[in-house]
Protein backbone atom coordinates (compact mmCIF):
# COMPACT_ATOMS: atom_id res chain seq x y z
CA MET A 1 -31.37 -43.42 20.41
CA PRO A 2 -30.47 -44.30 24.04
CA LYS A 3 -33.99 -45.65 24.69
CA ALA A 4 -33.80 -47.87 21.63
CA PHE A 5 -30.39 -49.16 22.73
CA LEU A 6 -31.65 -49.88 26.25
CA PHE A 7 -34.70 -51.71 24.90
CA ALA A 8 -32.47 -53.77 22.60
CA VAL A 9 -30.21 -54.74 25.50
CA LEU A 10 -33.21 -55.62 27.66
CA ALA A 11 -34.72 -57.66 24.82
CA VAL A 12 -31.53 -59.70 24.52
CA PHE A 13 -31.42 -60.40 28.24
CA ALA A 14 -35.15 -61.10 28.41
CA SER A 15 -34.81 -64.31 26.43
CA SER A 16 -35.75 -67.47 28.27
CA ALA A 17 -32.14 -68.71 28.48
CA LEU A 18 -30.85 -65.64 30.34
CA ALA A 19 -33.97 -64.52 32.19
CA ALA A 20 -33.10 -66.41 35.36
CA SER A 21 -29.57 -65.04 35.69
CA VAL A 22 -29.96 -61.34 34.78
CA SER A 23 -32.50 -58.94 36.24
CA VAL A 24 -33.45 -55.42 35.22
CA ASP A 25 -32.23 -54.10 38.58
CA GLY A 26 -28.83 -55.67 37.93
CA LEU A 27 -28.64 -54.11 34.47
CA ILE A 28 -29.54 -50.69 35.85
CA GLN A 29 -26.88 -51.06 38.53
CA VAL A 30 -24.26 -51.99 35.92
CA VAL A 31 -25.23 -49.02 33.74
CA ILE A 32 -24.92 -46.69 36.74
CA TYR A 33 -21.49 -48.17 37.58
CA ILE A 34 -20.33 -47.70 33.98
CA VAL A 35 -21.52 -44.08 33.89
CA VAL A 36 -19.94 -43.14 37.24
CA ILE A 37 -16.65 -44.92 36.57
CA GLY A 38 -16.59 -43.47 33.05
CA LEU A 39 -17.03 -39.95 34.39
CA VAL A 40 -14.27 -40.43 36.95
CA LEU A 41 -11.87 -41.86 34.37
CA TRP A 42 -12.75 -39.09 31.90
CA LEU A 43 -12.00 -36.51 34.61
CA VAL A 44 -8.62 -38.14 35.28
CA TRP A 45 -7.92 -38.22 31.51
CA TRP A 46 -8.82 -34.53 31.23
CA PHE A 47 -6.69 -33.59 34.27
CA ILE A 48 -3.65 -35.36 32.82
CA GLY A 49 -3.91 -33.17 29.73
CA TYR A 50 -4.73 -30.03 31.72
CA ALA A 51 -1.89 -30.41 34.23
CA GLY A 52 0.76 -30.21 31.53
CA ILE A 53 2.72 -33.33 32.40
CA PRO A 54 5.78 -33.76 30.11
CA GLU A 55 5.19 -35.96 27.07
CA PRO A 56 6.60 -39.38 27.98
CA PHE A 57 4.86 -39.34 31.38
CA ASN A 58 1.68 -37.93 29.84
CA LYS A 59 1.43 -40.84 27.39
CA VAL A 60 2.21 -43.42 30.10
CA ALA A 61 -0.46 -41.94 32.39
CA ARG A 62 -3.06 -41.97 29.59
CA VAL A 63 -2.23 -45.59 28.74
CA LEU A 64 -2.64 -46.54 32.40
CA VAL A 65 -6.02 -44.77 32.59
CA GLY A 66 -7.11 -46.59 29.42
CA LEU A 67 -5.93 -49.91 30.84
CA VAL A 68 -7.88 -49.33 34.05
CA ALA A 69 -10.99 -48.47 32.01
CA VAL A 70 -10.69 -51.67 29.97
CA LEU A 71 -10.13 -53.81 33.09
CA VAL A 72 -13.18 -52.30 34.81
CA LEU A 73 -15.33 -52.93 31.73
CA ILE A 74 -14.11 -56.52 31.39
CA SER A 75 -14.72 -57.12 35.10
CA LEU A 76 -18.27 -55.79 34.84
CA LEU A 77 -18.99 -57.97 31.81
CA LEU A 78 -17.48 -61.04 33.49
CA GLY A 79 -19.70 -60.28 36.48
CA PHE A 80 -22.68 -61.30 34.36
CA ILE A 81 -21.45 -64.88 34.30
CA GLY A 82 -20.34 -64.84 37.92
CA HIS A 83 -16.57 -64.53 37.53
CA PRO A 84 -15.56 -60.86 37.93
CA ILE A 85 -11.89 -59.89 38.14
CA PHE A 86 -12.74 -57.75 41.17
CA THR A 87 -15.96 -56.67 42.84
CA LEU A 88 -17.14 -53.07 43.14
CA ARG A 89 -19.23 -53.69 46.24
């Protein structure tokens, strides 16, 4: 399944309209960023539940972690068109 998904993504970006702006190296770098940042955010999410923070603060912390995850994903996707919210380099 992951190979088929990767091939589908590469096929979309291999079209003549997007071939000049997106390279395979860039896609691999974005996938690595998503995996690493996802693991870090998952670890923070798990630690919030493991630490036993009281309920209102627990929910606020989880919402903040989710918000950070969404902002990072949006920034990475906007990086494809050259307008990221922030850079990871």
